[in-house]
Amino acid sequence: MQSDSKIHNWRIELREYARQEERRGRRRVYEGLDPVRTALVVIDMVPFFGETNPYVRGIVPNIGRIAGALRTAGGLVAWVLPANGAPLGSLGGEFYGPAVSGMFATTGGEGPLCGARRGSIALPACLL
């Protein structure tokens, strides 16, 4: 795995904040969040994405930090991983090609993720 990582240089334009403030009367949708009634759903953070994409590697520490803080405050963190099988069944090789279909087929893994390390990407949290 490559060790470089990147973070997208994105921002919300001031005109968008102004539009939301005019529409809602405030900048943000919610005044606050109740951690006990809040969930962070992390979808498809699987090793082969991180091994090929420096932006995925760049976001892993942020996900870990948010997941840890939310869990400490009583919230739920759910990791959604692909099923352990080739997508589209026997047609997966035709649709994705054999290499990509094979990666998908082994991504889901088995057993609990608590403290797990899959391939080269450390998964920072477990489903609790």
N, C-alpha and C. Protein backbone atom coordinates (compact mmCIF):
# COMPACT_ATOMS: atom_id res chain seq x y z
N MET A 1 0.83 -1.19 0.00
CA MET A 1 0.00 0.00 0.00
C MET A 1 0.87 1.25 0.00
N GLN A 2 0.44 2.26 -0.70
CA GLN A 2 1.15 3.52 -0.69
C GLN A 2 0.87 4.24 0.63
N SER A 3 1.85 5.00 1.10
CA SER A 3 1.66 5.69 2.38
C SER A 3 1.17 7.11 2.21
N ASP A 4 1.18 7.65 1.00
CA ASP A 4 0.71 9.01 0.81
C ASP A 4 -0.80 9.08 1.02
N SER A 5 -1.25 10.24 1.46
CA SER A 5 -2.68 10.44 1.60
C SER A 5 -2.99 11.89 1.24
N LYS A 6 -4.23 12.12 0.83
CA LYS A 6 -4.66 13.45 0.41
C LYS A 6 -6.02 13.75 1.02
N ILE A 7 -6.28 15.01 1.18
CA ILE A 7 -7.59 15.49 1.62
C ILE A 7 -8.11 16.42 0.53
N HIS A 8 -9.38 16.27 0.19
CA HIS A 8 -9.98 17.17 -0.80
C HIS A 8 -9.97 18.59 -0.26
N ASN A 9 -9.66 19.54 -1.11
CA ASN A 9 -9.67 20.94 -0.74
C ASN A 9 -11.04 21.52 -1.13
N TRP A 10 -12.04 21.23 -0.33
CA TRP A 10 -13.38 21.68 -0.66
C TRP A 10 -13.87 22.66 0.40
N ARG A 11 -14.85 23.43 0.04
CA ARG A 11 -15.46 24.36 0.98
C ARG A 11 -16.86 24.68 0.50
N ILE A 12 -17.65 25.17 1.41
CA ILE A 12 -19.00 25.61 1.07
C ILE A 12 -18.91 27.10 0.75
N GLU A 13 -19.40 27.48 -0.39
CA GLU A 13 -19.34 28.87 -0.83
C GLU A 13 -20.21 29.75 0.08
N LEU A 14 -19.80 30.97 0.29
CA LEU A 14 -20.55 31.90 1.14
C LEU A 14 -21.96 32.13 0.59
N ARG A 15 -22.11 32.12 -0.73
CA ARG A 15 -23.45 32.32 -1.31
C ARG A 15 -24.40 31.19 -0.90
N GLU A 16 -23.86 29.97 -0.70
CA GLU A 16 -24.70 28.86 -0.27
C GLU A 16 -25.13 29.03 1.18
N TYR A 17 -24.21 29.48 2.02
CA TYR A 17 -24.60 29.79 3.41
C TYR A 17 -25.70 30.84 3.42
N ALA A 18 -25.55 31.90 2.60
CA ALA A 18 -26.55 32.98 2.54
C ALA A 18 -27.90 32.43 2.07
N ARG A 19 -27.88 31.55 1.09
CA ARG A 19 -29.13 30.97 0.58
C ARG A 19 -29.84 30.17 1.67
N GLN A 20 -29.07 29.37 2.42
CA GLN A 20 -29.69 28.57 3.49
C GLN A 20 -30.19 29.45 4.62
N GLU A 21 -29.45 30.49 4.95
CA GLU A 21 -29.88 31.40 6.01
C GLU A 21 -31.16 32.12 5.63
N GLU A 22 -31.28 32.51 4.37
CA GLU A 22 -32.50 33.16 3.90
C GLU A 22 -33.67 32.18 3.92
N ARG A 23 -33.43 30.98 3.49
CA ARG A 23 -34.47 29.95 3.40
C ARG A 23 -34.95 29.47 4.76
N ARG A 24 -33.99 29.20 5.68
CA ARG A 24 -34.32 28.62 6.98
C ARG A 24 -34.31 29.59 8.13
N GLY A 25 -33.64 30.71 7.92
CA GLY A 25 -33.48 31.65 9.02
C GLY A 25 -32.25 31.35 9.87
N ARG A 26 -31.50 30.36 9.50
CA ARG A 26 -30.25 30.03 10.19
C ARG A 26 -29.35 29.26 9.22
N ARG A 27 -28.09 29.15 9.57
CA ARG A 27 -27.11 28.55 8.68
C ARG A 27 -27.24 27.04 8.61
N ARG A 28 -27.43 26.39 9.73
CA ARG A 28 -27.41 24.93 9.76
C ARG A 28 -28.82 24.37 9.92
N VAL A 29 -29.00 23.15 9.46
CA VAL A 29 -30.32 22.51 9.51
C VAL A 29 -30.75 22.31 10.95
N TYR A 30 -29.86 21.81 11.79
CA TYR A 30 -30.20 21.50 13.18
C TYR A 30 -29.44 22.42 14.11
N GLU A 31 -30.11 22.85 15.18
CA GLU A 31 -29.46 23.68 16.19
C GLU A 31 -28.37 22.89 16.89
N GLY A 32 -28.60 21.59 17.07
CA GLY A 32 -27.63 20.72 17.73
C GLY A 32 -28.00 19.28 17.48
N LEU A 33 -27.13 18.38 17.89
CA LEU A 33 -27.37 16.95 17.74
C LEU A 33 -27.34 16.28 19.10
N ASP A 34 -28.24 15.35 19.32
CA ASP A 34 -28.24 14.54 20.53
C ASP A 34 -27.44 13.29 20.20
N PRO A 35 -26.23 13.14 20.77
CA PRO A 35 -25.39 12.00 20.40
C PRO A 35 -26.06 10.64 20.60
N VAL A 36 -26.89 10.52 21.60
CA VAL A 36 -27.56 9.24 21.87
C VAL A 36 -28.53 8.88 20.74
N ARG A 37 -29.01 9.89 20.03
CA ARG A 37 -29.94 9.65 18.92
C ARG A 37 -29.28 9.86 17.57
N THR A 38 -27.95 9.79 17.54
CA THR A 38 -27.19 10.05 16.32
C THR A 38 -26.38 8.82 15.93
N ALA A 39 -26.29 8.56 14.64
CA ALA A 39 -25.48 7.46 14.14
C ALA A 39 -24.55 7.97 13.03
N LEU A 40 -23.36 7.44 13.02
CA LEU A 40 -22.44 7.65 11.92
C LEU A 40 -22.45 6.35 11.13
N VAL A 41 -22.81 6.43 9.87
CA VAL A 41 -22.85 5.25 9.01
C VAL A 41 -21.70 5.37 8.02
N VAL A 42 -20.74 4.46 8.12
CA VAL A 42 -19.55 4.46 7.27
C VAL A 42 -19.76 3.37 6.22
N ILE A 43 -19.78 3.77 4.96
CA ILE A 43 -20.12 2.84 3.88
C ILE A 43 -18.91 2.56 3.00
N ASP A 44 -18.64 1.27 2.79
CA ASP A 44 -17.63 0.79 1.83
C ASP A 44 -16.22 1.30 2.10
N MET A 45 -15.82 1.48 3.34
CA MET A 45 -14.42 1.81 3.65
C MET A 45 -13.68 0.48 3.74
N VAL A 46 -13.31 0.00 2.58
CA VAL A 46 -12.69 -1.32 2.48
C VAL A 46 -11.26 -1.18 1.96
N PRO A 47 -10.40 -2.15 2.26
CA PRO A 47 -8.99 -2.02 1.93
C PRO A 47 -8.68 -1.70 0.47
N PHE A 48 -9.35 -2.34 -0.49
CA PHE A 48 -8.92 -2.10 -1.86
C PHE A 48 -9.20 -0.69 -2.32
N PHE A 49 -10.18 0.00 -1.74
CA PHE A 49 -10.35 1.41 -2.08
C PHE A 49 -9.18 2.22 -1.53
N GLY A 50 -8.79 1.95 -0.29
CA GLY A 50 -7.68 2.69 0.32
C GLY A 50 -6.34 2.39 -0.31
N GLU A 51 -6.17 1.19 -0.77
CA GLU A 51 -4.90 0.82 -1.39
C GLU A 51 -4.69 1.50 -2.73
N THR A 52 -5.77 1.92 -3.37
CA THR A 52 -5.65 2.52 -4.70
C THR A 52 -5.97 4.01 -4.72
N ASN A 53 -6.43 4.59 -3.61
CA ASN A 53 -6.90 5.96 -3.64
C ASN A 53 -6.36 6.75 -2.45
N PRO A 54 -5.49 7.73 -2.68
CA PRO A 54 -4.93 8.50 -1.57
C PRO A 54 -5.97 9.32 -0.82
N TYR A 55 -7.08 9.67 -1.46
CA TYR A 55 -8.13 10.41 -0.76
C TYR A 55 -8.85 9.53 0.26
N VAL A 56 -8.99 8.26 -0.03
CA VAL A 56 -9.57 7.34 0.96
C VAL A 56 -8.64 7.24 2.16
N ARG A 57 -7.34 7.08 1.92
CA ARG A 57 -6.39 7.02 3.02
C ARG A 57 -6.41 8.32 3.83
N GLY A 58 -6.62 9.44 3.17
CA GLY A 58 -6.65 10.72 3.85
C GLY A 58 -7.83 10.89 4.78
N ILE A 59 -8.94 10.26 4.47
CA ILE A 59 -10.15 10.44 5.27
C ILE A 59 -10.24 9.48 6.45
N VAL A 60 -9.47 8.39 6.43
CA VAL A 60 -9.54 7.38 7.50
C VAL A 60 -9.32 7.99 8.89
N PRO A 61 -8.29 8.84 9.11
CA PRO A 61 -8.13 9.42 10.45
C PRO A 61 -9.33 10.26 10.90
N ASN A 62 -9.94 10.99 9.96
CA ASN A 62 -11.12 11.79 10.31
C ASN A 62 -12.29 10.90 10.70
N ILE A 63 -12.49 9.83 9.96
CA ILE A 63 -13.57 8.90 10.31
C ILE A 63 -13.32 8.32 11.70
N GLY A 64 -12.08 7.92 11.97
CA GLY A 64 -11.75 7.37 13.28
C GLY A 64 -12.00 8.37 14.39
N ARG A 65 -11.62 9.63 14.18
CA ARG A 65 -11.81 10.66 15.20
C ARG A 65 -13.31 10.93 15.45
N ILE A 66 -14.08 11.04 14.38
CA ILE A 66 -15.52 11.28 14.52
C ILE A 66 -16.19 10.08 15.18
N ALA A 67 -15.83 8.87 14.74
CA ALA A 67 -16.41 7.66 15.31
C ALA A 67 -16.10 7.55 16.80
N GLY A 68 -14.86 7.82 17.17
CA GLY A 68 -14.49 7.75 18.59
C GLY A 68 -15.23 8.75 19.45
N ALA A 69 -15.33 9.99 18.95
CA ALA A 69 -16.04 11.03 19.72
C ALA A 69 -17.52 10.71 19.84
N LEU A 70 -18.13 10.26 18.76
CA LEU A 70 -19.55 9.94 18.80
C LEU A 70 -19.82 8.77 19.73
N ARG A 71 -19.00 7.75 19.64
CA ARG A 71 -19.17 6.58 20.50
C ARG A 71 -19.00 6.96 21.98
N THR A 72 -18.01 7.80 22.28
CA THR A 72 -17.78 8.25 23.65
C THR A 72 -18.99 9.02 24.19
N ALA A 73 -19.65 9.76 23.29
CA ALA A 73 -20.81 10.56 23.68
C ALA A 73 -22.11 9.74 23.70
N GLY A 74 -22.02 8.45 23.39
CA GLY A 74 -23.21 7.60 23.45
C GLY A 74 -23.86 7.31 22.12
N GLY A 75 -23.26 7.75 21.03
CA GLY A 75 -23.83 7.51 19.70
C GLY A 75 -23.44 6.16 19.15
N LEU A 76 -23.98 5.84 18.00
CA LEU A 76 -23.76 4.56 17.34
C LEU A 76 -22.93 4.76 16.08
N VAL A 77 -22.00 3.84 15.86
CA VAL A 77 -21.21 3.83 14.63
C VAL A 77 -21.48 2.51 13.93
N ALA A 78 -21.93 2.58 12.69
CA ALA A 78 -22.25 1.37 11.92
C ALA A 78 -21.36 1.33 10.70
N TRP A 79 -20.70 0.19 10.49
CA TRP A 79 -19.85 -0.03 9.32
C TRP A 79 -20.64 -0.89 8.34
N VAL A 80 -20.84 -0.38 7.14
CA VAL A 80 -21.56 -1.13 6.10
C VAL A 80 -20.51 -1.61 5.10
N LEU A 81 -20.37 -2.92 5.02
CA LEU A 81 -19.38 -3.52 4.13
C LEU A 81 -20.08 -4.36 3.07
N PRO A 82 -19.45 -4.53 1.94
CA PRO A 82 -20.05 -5.38 0.90
C PRO A 82 -20.21 -6.82 1.40
N ALA A 83 -21.17 -7.50 0.84
CA ALA A 83 -21.35 -8.92 1.16
C ALA A 83 -20.13 -9.68 0.67
N ASN A 84 -19.87 -10.79 1.32
CA ASN A 84 -18.72 -11.60 0.93
C ASN A 84 -19.11 -12.50 -0.22
N GLY A 85 -19.10 -11.94 -1.40
CA GLY A 85 -19.45 -12.67 -2.61
C GLY A 85 -19.36 -11.74 -3.80
N ALA A 86 -19.19 -12.28 -4.95
CA ALA A 86 -19.08 -11.47 -6.14
C ALA A 86 -20.41 -10.79 -6.44
N PRO A 87 -20.39 -9.47 -6.71
CA PRO A 87 -21.64 -8.81 -7.07
C PRO A 87 -22.16 -9.39 -8.38
N LEU A 88 -23.43 -9.44 -8.50
CA LEU A 88 -24.12 -9.94 -9.69
C LEU A 88 -23.90 -11.44 -9.89
N GLY A 89 -23.42 -12.13 -8.87
CA GLY A 89 -23.22 -13.58 -8.97
C GLY A 89 -22.26 -13.94 -10.08
N SER A 90 -22.64 -14.89 -10.89
CA SER A 90 -21.75 -15.36 -11.96
C SER A 90 -21.55 -14.32 -13.06
N LEU A 91 -22.40 -13.30 -13.10
CA LEU A 91 -22.25 -12.26 -14.12
C LEU A 91 -21.24 -11.18 -13.70
N GLY A 92 -20.79 -11.21 -12.46
CA GLY A 92 -19.87 -10.19 -11.96
C GLY A 92 -18.61 -10.10 -12.79
N GLY A 93 -18.04 -11.23 -13.17
CA GLY A 93 -16.84 -11.22 -13.98
C GLY A 93 -17.06 -10.58 -15.33
N GLU A 94 -18.23 -10.82 -15.90
CA GLU A 94 -18.54 -10.21 -17.19
C GLU A 94 -18.71 -8.70 -17.06
N PHE A 95 -19.42 -8.29 -16.02
CA PHE A 95 -19.74 -6.87 -15.87
C PHE A 95 -18.53 -6.07 -15.40
N TYR A 96 -17.87 -6.51 -14.32
CA TYR A 96 -16.75 -5.76 -13.74
C TYR A 96 -15.40 -6.17 -14.28
N GLY A 97 -15.33 -7.34 -14.88
CA GLY A 97 -14.04 -7.93 -15.23
C GLY A 97 -13.59 -8.81 -14.08
N PRO A 98 -12.77 -9.80 -14.33
CA PRO A 98 -12.42 -10.76 -13.30
C PRO A 98 -11.65 -10.16 -12.12
N ALA A 99 -10.77 -9.19 -12.36
CA ALA A 99 -9.97 -8.64 -11.27
C ALA A 99 -10.84 -7.87 -10.27
N VAL A 100 -11.67 -6.96 -10.76
CA VAL A 100 -12.53 -6.15 -9.87
C VAL A 100 -13.58 -7.03 -9.21
N SER A 101 -14.17 -7.95 -9.95
CA SER A 101 -15.15 -8.85 -9.37
C SER A 101 -14.51 -9.67 -8.24
N GLY A 102 -13.26 -10.10 -8.44
CA GLY A 102 -12.56 -10.85 -7.41
C GLY A 102 -12.30 -10.01 -6.16
N MET A 103 -11.96 -8.73 -6.34
CA MET A 103 -11.76 -7.85 -5.18
C MET A 103 -13.05 -7.70 -4.39
N PHE A 104 -14.15 -7.45 -5.09
CA PHE A 104 -15.43 -7.34 -4.41
C PHE A 104 -15.78 -8.63 -3.67
N ALA A 105 -15.49 -9.76 -4.26
CA ALA A 105 -15.87 -11.04 -3.69
C ALA A 105 -15.18 -11.31 -2.36
N THR A 106 -14.02 -10.74 -2.13
CA THR A 106 -13.30 -11.01 -0.88
C THR A 106 -13.28 -9.82 0.08
N THR A 107 -13.99 -8.77 -0.23
CA THR A 107 -13.96 -7.56 0.58
C THR A 107 -14.69 -7.68 1.91
N GLY A 108 -15.82 -8.34 1.94
CA GLY A 108 -16.64 -8.37 3.14
C GLY A 108 -15.98 -9.03 4.33
N GLY A 109 -15.14 -10.00 4.11
CA GLY A 109 -14.46 -10.66 5.22
C GLY A 109 -15.42 -11.49 6.05
N GLU A 110 -14.93 -11.92 7.20
CA GLU A 110 -15.74 -12.73 8.10
C GLU A 110 -15.44 -12.33 9.53
N GLY A 111 -16.40 -12.51 10.41
CA GLY A 111 -16.20 -12.29 11.83
C GLY A 111 -16.29 -10.83 12.22
N PRO A 112 -16.11 -10.55 13.53
CA PRO A 112 -16.25 -9.18 14.03
C PRO A 112 -15.12 -8.28 13.56
N LEU A 113 -15.40 -6.99 13.44
CA LEU A 113 -14.41 -6.03 12.98
C LEU A 113 -13.72 -5.30 14.11
N CYS A 114 -14.11 -5.54 15.35
CA CYS A 114 -13.57 -4.77 16.47
C CYS A 114 -12.05 -4.84 16.50
N GLY A 115 -11.40 -3.70 16.30
CA GLY A 115 -9.95 -3.64 16.31
C GLY A 115 -9.30 -4.35 15.14
N ALA A 116 -10.04 -4.60 14.09
CA ALA A 116 -9.54 -5.40 12.98
C ALA A 116 -8.61 -4.61 12.08
N ARG A 117 -7.79 -5.32 11.38
CA ARG A 117 -6.96 -4.75 10.33
C ARG A 117 -7.16 -5.65 9.13
N ARG A 118 -7.73 -5.11 8.07
CA ARG A 118 -7.94 -5.87 6.85
C ARG A 118 -6.94 -5.41 5.83
N GLY A 119 -6.15 -6.28 5.32
CA GLY A 119 -5.15 -5.88 4.34
C GLY A 119 -4.23 -4.85 4.95
N SER A 120 -4.10 -3.71 4.32
CA SER A 120 -3.20 -2.66 4.79
C SER A 120 -3.92 -1.53 5.48
N ILE A 121 -5.24 -1.52 5.49
CA ILE A 121 -6.00 -0.42 6.07
C ILE A 121 -6.49 -0.82 7.45
N ALA A 122 -6.11 -0.06 8.46
CA ALA A 122 -6.60 -0.31 9.81
C ALA A 122 -8.00 0.26 9.93
N LEU A 123 -8.96 -0.55 10.34
CA LEU A 123 -10.31 -0.06 10.57
C LEU A 123 -10.34 0.51 11.99
N PRO A 124 -10.66 1.78 12.16
CA PRO A 124 -10.47 2.44 13.44
C PRO A 124 -11.48 2.13 14.52
N ALA A 125 -12.55 1.42 14.21
CA ALA A 125 -13.58 1.22 15.23
C ALA A 125 -14.36 -0.04 14.95
N CYS A 126 -15.19 -0.41 15.90
CA CYS A 126 -16.04 -1.59 15.70
C CYS A 126 -17.50 -1.19 15.91
N LEU A 127 -18.37 -2.02 15.44
CA LEU A 127 -19.80 -1.78 15.57
C LEU A 127 -20.22 -2.12 16.99
N LEU A 128 -20.60 -1.13 17.75
CA LEU A 128 -21.06 -1.32 19.14
C LEU A 128 -22.39 -0.63 19.34
